[in-house]
């Protein structure tokens, strides 16, 4: 599972001209699900994202987490994070999970954020969306659940 995490001052997502999700300070999380991903990948990423210390403290150092600043999450599904562009100019999406698996694991990630008592707004899974954001910093991180350290 991959996530592009952007620290934002505000963000919103629209479907057919209607705002379906909006947040103030927090993270815009673009979430892609791969074929082999499991619920454990969703839980890992949600926990990791909430714990990231990338908000400024009183000295301006990136030292505070989402919960420390009372931040919110705008969670948007994005299967294109698994685009393979190595061959030709038209991306292949064979690594992306089929829609029914992607939806189930997207919802598992949503539940994992909510279990951590984080306010979450979402886009509409599978819809054509327009995402608006004010990137703060800018701070943009790419996380992949396959990169997590294994216990020793």
C-alpha atoms as a PDB file:
ATOM      1  CA  UNK A   1       0.000   0.000   0.000  1.00  0.00           C
ATOM      2  CA  UNK A   2       1.329   3.427  -0.901  1.00  0.00           C
ATOM      3  CA  UNK A   3       0.479   6.822   0.476  1.00  0.00           C
ATOM      4  CA  UNK A   4       1.440  10.291  -0.629  1.00  0.00           C
ATOM      5  CA  UNK A   5       1.060  12.408   2.490  1.00  0.00           C
ATOM      6  CA  UNK A   6       0.930  16.175   2.150  1.00  0.00           C
ATOM      7  CA  UNK A   7       0.890  18.501   5.131  1.00  0.00           C
ATOM      8  CA  UNK A   8      -1.847  21.006   4.401  1.00  0.00           C
ATOM      9  CA  UNK A   9      -3.260  24.214   5.781  1.00  0.00           C
ATOM     10  CA  UNK A  10      -6.552  23.143   4.170  1.00  0.00           C
ATOM     11  CA  UNK A  11      -7.810  20.710   1.562  1.00  0.00           C
ATOM     12  CA  UNK A  12     -11.051  19.649  -0.059  1.00  0.00           C
ATOM     13  CA  UNK A  13     -12.263  17.159  -2.630  1.00  0.00           C
ATOM     14  CA  UNK A  14     -15.128  17.687  -5.065  1.00  0.00           C
ATOM     15  CA  UNK A  15     -17.195  15.225  -7.067  1.00  0.00           C
ATOM     16  CA  UNK A  16     -19.344  16.654  -9.862  1.00  0.00           C
ATOM     17  CA  UNK A  17     -18.870  20.173  -8.489  1.00  0.00           C
ATOM     18  CA  UNK A  18     -19.964  19.271  -4.950  1.00  0.00           C
ATOM     19  CA  UNK A  19     -17.584  19.294  -1.974  1.00  0.00           C
ATOM     20  CA  UNK A  20     -17.676  15.795  -0.477  1.00  0.00           C
ATOM     21  CA  UNK A  21     -14.827  16.202   2.018  1.00  0.00           C
ATOM     22  CA  UNK A  22     -12.911  19.135   3.484  1.00  0.00           C
ATOM     23  CA  UNK A  23     -10.361  19.677   6.260  1.00  0.00           C
ATOM     24  CA  UNK A  24      -8.304  22.438   7.822  1.00  0.00           C
ATOM     25  CA  UNK A  25      -4.810  21.780   9.197  1.00  0.00           C
ATOM     26  CA  UNK A  26      -3.693  18.211   8.708  1.00  0.00           C
ATOM     27  CA  UNK A  27      -2.807  15.696   6.026  1.00  0.00           C
ATOM     28  CA  UNK A  28      -4.104  15.090   2.549  1.00  0.00           C
ATOM     29  CA  UNK A  29      -3.461  11.355   2.088  1.00  0.00           C
ATOM     30  CA  UNK A  30      -3.579   9.914  -1.417  1.00  0.00           C
ATOM     31  CA  UNK A  31      -3.835   6.154  -0.887  1.00  0.00           C
ATOM     32  CA  UNK A  32      -3.101   3.437  -3.423  1.00  0.00           C
ATOM     33  CA  UNK A  33      -3.757  -0.258  -2.867  1.00  0.00           C
ATOM     34  CA  UNK A  34      -1.751  -3.038  -4.529  1.00  0.00           C
ATOM     35  CA  UNK A  35      -3.008  -6.520  -5.428  1.00  0.00           C
ATOM     36  CA  UNK A  36      -1.078  -8.230  -2.636  1.00  0.00           C
ATOM     37  CA  UNK A  37      -1.945  -5.754   0.132  1.00  0.00           C
ATOM     38  CA  UNK A  38      -3.733  -6.850   3.287  1.00  0.00           C
ATOM     39  CA  UNK A  39      -5.533  -5.229   6.189  1.00  0.00           C
ATOM     40  CA  UNK A  40      -2.188  -5.210   8.036  1.00  0.00           C
ATOM     41  CA  UNK A  41      -0.792  -2.846   5.371  1.00  0.00           C
ATOM     42  CA  UNK A  42      -3.731  -0.488   5.933  1.00  0.00           C
ATOM     43  CA  UNK A  43      -3.306  -0.570   9.717  1.00  0.00           C
ATOM     44  CA  UNK A  44       0.431   0.006   9.481  1.00  0.00           C
ATOM     45  CA  UNK A  45       0.121   3.046   7.203  1.00  0.00           C
ATOM     46  CA  UNK A  46      -2.684   4.655   9.209  1.00  0.00           C
ATOM     47  CA  UNK A  47      -0.709   4.277  12.441  1.00  0.00           C
ATOM     48  CA  UNK A  48       2.487   5.529  10.827  1.00  0.00           C
ATOM     49  CA  UNK A  49       0.788   8.576   9.314  1.00  0.00           C
ATOM     50  CA  UNK A  50      -0.858   9.608  12.586  1.00  0.00           C
ATOM     51  CA  UNK A  51       2.484   9.265  14.391  1.00  0.00           C
ATOM     52  CA  UNK A  52       4.533  11.264  11.839  1.00  0.00           C
ATOM     53  CA  UNK A  53       6.170  14.232  13.551  1.00  0.00           C
ATOM     54  CA  UNK A  54       6.195  16.783  10.735  1.00  0.00           C
ATOM     55  CA  UNK A  55       4.286  19.715  12.213  1.00  0.00           C
ATOM     56  CA  UNK A  56       6.323  22.602  13.635  1.00  0.00           C
ATOM     57  CA  UNK A  57       6.784  23.046  17.361  1.00  0.00           C
ATOM     58  CA  UNK A  58       7.211  26.464  19.030  1.00  0.00           C
ATOM     59  CA  UNK A  59      10.794  26.629  17.742  1.00  0.00           C
ATOM     60  CA  UNK A  60       9.715  25.875  14.177  1.00  0.00           C
ATOM     61  CA  UNK A  61      11.208  22.362  14.179  1.00  0.00           C
ATOM     62  CA  UNK A  62       9.226  19.483  12.689  1.00  0.00           C
ATOM     63  CA  UNK A  63       8.506  17.781  15.984  1.00  0.00           C
ATOM     64  CA  UNK A  64       4.730  17.468  16.433  1.00  0.00           C
ATOM     65  CA  UNK A  65       2.313  14.795  15.239  1.00  0.00           C
ATOM     66  CA  UNK A  66      -1.132  15.120  13.731  1.00  0.00           C
ATOM     67  CA  UNK A  67      -2.754  14.513  17.116  1.00  0.00           C
ATOM     68  CA  UNK A  68      -0.433  17.017  18.814  1.00  0.00           C
ATOM     69  CA  UNK A  69      -1.780  19.796  16.578  1.00  0.00           C
ATOM     70  CA  UNK A  70      -5.402  18.586  16.492  1.00  0.00           C
ATOM     71  CA  UNK A  71      -5.043  17.910  12.776  1.00  0.00           C
ATOM     72  CA  UNK A  72      -7.423  16.165  10.414  1.00  0.00           C
ATOM     73  CA  UNK A  73      -7.049  13.772   7.491  1.00  0.00           C
ATOM     74  CA  UNK A  74      -8.531  13.994   4.013  1.00  0.00           C
ATOM     75  CA  UNK A  75      -8.241  10.430   2.677  1.00  0.00           C
ATOM     76  CA  UNK A  76      -8.504  10.016  -1.096  1.00  0.00           C
ATOM     77  CA  UNK A  77      -8.196   6.750  -3.006  1.00  0.00           C
ATOM     78  CA  UNK A  78      -5.722   6.851  -5.885  1.00  0.00           C
ATOM     79  CA  UNK A  79      -5.020   3.627  -7.762  1.00  0.00           C
ATOM     80  CA  UNK A  80      -2.654   5.503 -10.086  1.00  0.00           C
ATOM     81  CA  UNK A  81       0.010   5.329  -7.365  1.00  0.00           C
ATOM     82  CA  UNK A  82       0.606   1.833  -8.746  1.00  0.00           C
ATOM     83  CA  UNK A  83       1.145   2.947 -12.328  1.00  0.00           C
ATOM     84  CA  UNK A  84       3.946   1.151 -14.139  1.00  0.00           C
ATOM     85  CA  UNK A  85       5.502   3.475 -16.717  1.00  0.00           C
ATOM     86  CA  UNK A  86       8.628   1.460 -17.511  1.00  0.00           C
ATOM     87  CA  UNK A  87       7.372   0.257 -20.896  1.00  0.00           C
ATOM     88  CA  UNK A  88       5.902   2.690 -23.408  1.00  0.00           C
ATOM     89  CA  UNK A  89       4.060   5.881 -22.621  1.00  0.00           C
ATOM     90  CA  UNK A  90       0.712   4.552 -21.489  1.00  0.00           C
ATOM     91  CA  UNK A  91       0.769   3.504 -17.818  1.00  0.00           C
ATOM     92  CA  UNK A  92      -0.124  -0.040 -16.845  1.00  0.00           C
ATOM     93  CA  UNK A  93      -2.126  -0.552 -13.674  1.00  0.00           C
ATOM     94  CA  UNK A  94      -1.713  -4.319 -13.301  1.00  0.00           C
ATOM     95  CA  UNK A  95      -0.130  -3.904  -9.853  1.00  0.00           C
ATOM     96  CA  UNK A  96      -3.154  -1.992  -8.519  1.00  0.00           C
ATOM     97  CA  UNK A  97      -5.763  -3.952  -6.591  1.00  0.00           C
ATOM     98  CA  UNK A  98      -9.078  -4.691  -8.304  1.00  0.00           C
ATOM     99  CA  UNK A  99     -11.792  -2.214  -7.237  1.00  0.00           C
ATOM    100  CA  UNK A 100     -13.521  -4.524  -4.738  1.00  0.00           C
ATOM    101  CA  UNK A 101     -10.224  -5.250  -2.937  1.00  0.00           C
ATOM    102  CA  UNK A 102      -9.132  -1.617  -3.146  1.00  0.00           C
ATOM    103  CA  UNK A 103     -12.423  -0.423  -1.642  1.00  0.00           C
ATOM    104  CA  UNK A 104     -12.256  -2.947   1.218  1.00  0.00           C
ATOM    105  CA  UNK A 105      -8.685  -1.973   2.149  1.00  0.00           C
ATOM    106  CA  UNK A 106      -9.369   1.749   1.695  1.00  0.00           C
ATOM    107  CA  UNK A 107     -12.202   1.332   4.196  1.00  0.00           C
ATOM    108  CA  UNK A 108      -9.868  -0.591   6.531  1.00  0.00           C
ATOM    109  CA  UNK A 109      -7.449   2.357   6.438  1.00  0.00           C
ATOM    110  CA  UNK A 110     -10.322   4.757   7.145  1.00  0.00           C
ATOM    111  CA  UNK A 111     -11.370   2.664  10.150  1.00  0.00           C
ATOM    112  CA  UNK A 112      -7.765   2.602  11.403  1.00  0.00           C
ATOM    113  CA  UNK A 113      -7.611   6.415  11.353  1.00  0.00           C
ATOM    114  CA  UNK A 114     -10.956   6.661  13.147  1.00  0.00           C
ATOM    115  CA  UNK A 115      -9.840   4.151  15.806  1.00  0.00           C
ATOM    116  CA  UNK A 116      -6.995   6.559  16.593  1.00  0.00           C
ATOM    117  CA  UNK A 117      -9.576   9.277  17.194  1.00  0.00           C
ATOM    118  CA  UNK A 118      -8.563  11.349  14.179  1.00  0.00           C
ATOM    119  CA  UNK A 119     -11.194  13.329  12.280  1.00  0.00           C
ATOM    120  CA  UNK A 120     -11.252  11.978   8.722  1.00  0.00           C
ATOM    121  CA  UNK A 121     -13.003  13.177   5.599  1.00  0.00           C
ATOM    122  CA  UNK A 122     -12.883  11.221   2.343  1.00  0.00           C
ATOM    123  CA  UNK A 123     -13.416  11.468  -1.343  1.00  0.00           C
ATOM    124  CA  UNK A 124     -15.692   9.039  -3.182  1.00  0.00           C
ATOM    125  CA  UNK A 125     -14.022   5.731  -4.002  1.00  0.00           C
ATOM    126  CA  UNK A 126     -13.783   5.210  -7.756  1.00  0.00           C
ATOM    127  CA  UNK A 127     -15.213   8.616  -8.664  1.00  0.00           C
ATOM    128  CA  UNK A 128     -13.573  11.297 -10.781  1.00  0.00           C
ATOM    129  CA  UNK A 129     -12.498  13.818  -8.149  1.00  0.00           C
ATOM    130  CA  UNK A 130     -11.017  17.297  -8.056  1.00  0.00           C
ATOM    131  CA  UNK A 131      -8.667  17.729  -5.126  1.00  0.00           C
ATOM    132  CA  UNK A 132      -7.809  21.217  -3.900  1.00  0.00           C
ATOM    133  CA  UNK A 133      -5.141  21.840  -1.307  1.00  0.00           C
ATOM    134  CA  UNK A 134      -2.917  24.439   0.248  1.00  0.00           C
ATOM    135  CA  UNK A 135       0.314  22.531   0.853  1.00  0.00           C
ATOM    136  CA  UNK A 136       1.986  23.722   4.034  1.00  0.00           C
ATOM    137  CA  UNK A 137       5.767  23.898   3.845  1.00  0.00           C
ATOM    138  CA  UNK A 138       5.586  22.281   1.390  1.00  0.00           C
ATOM    139  CA  UNK A 139       5.889  18.961   3.177  1.00  0.00           C
ATOM    140  CA  UNK A 140       5.196  15.884   1.058  1.00  0.00           C
ATOM    141  CA  UNK A 141       6.133  12.334   2.056  1.00  0.00           C
ATOM    142  CA  UNK A 142       5.795   9.026   0.239  1.00  0.00           C
ATOM    143  CA  UNK A 143       5.174   5.955   2.392  1.00  0.00           C
ATOM    144  CA  UNK A 144       4.980   2.341   1.292  1.00  0.00           C
ATOM    145  CA  UNK A 145       3.824  -0.396   3.655  1.00  0.00           C
ATOM    146  CA  UNK A 146       6.320  -2.793   2.065  1.00  0.00           C
ATOM    147  CA  UNK A 147       9.191  -0.610   3.297  1.00  0.00           C
ATOM    148  CA  UNK A 148       8.463  -1.134   6.990  1.00  0.00           C
ATOM    149  CA  UNK A 149      11.204  -2.598   9.107  1.00  0.00           C
ATOM    150  CA  UNK A 150      10.808  -6.202  10.073  1.00  0.00           C
ATOM    151  CA  UNK A 151      11.184  -7.087  13.762  1.00  0.00           C
ATOM    152  CA  UNK A 152      14.684  -8.302  14.669  1.00  0.00           C
END
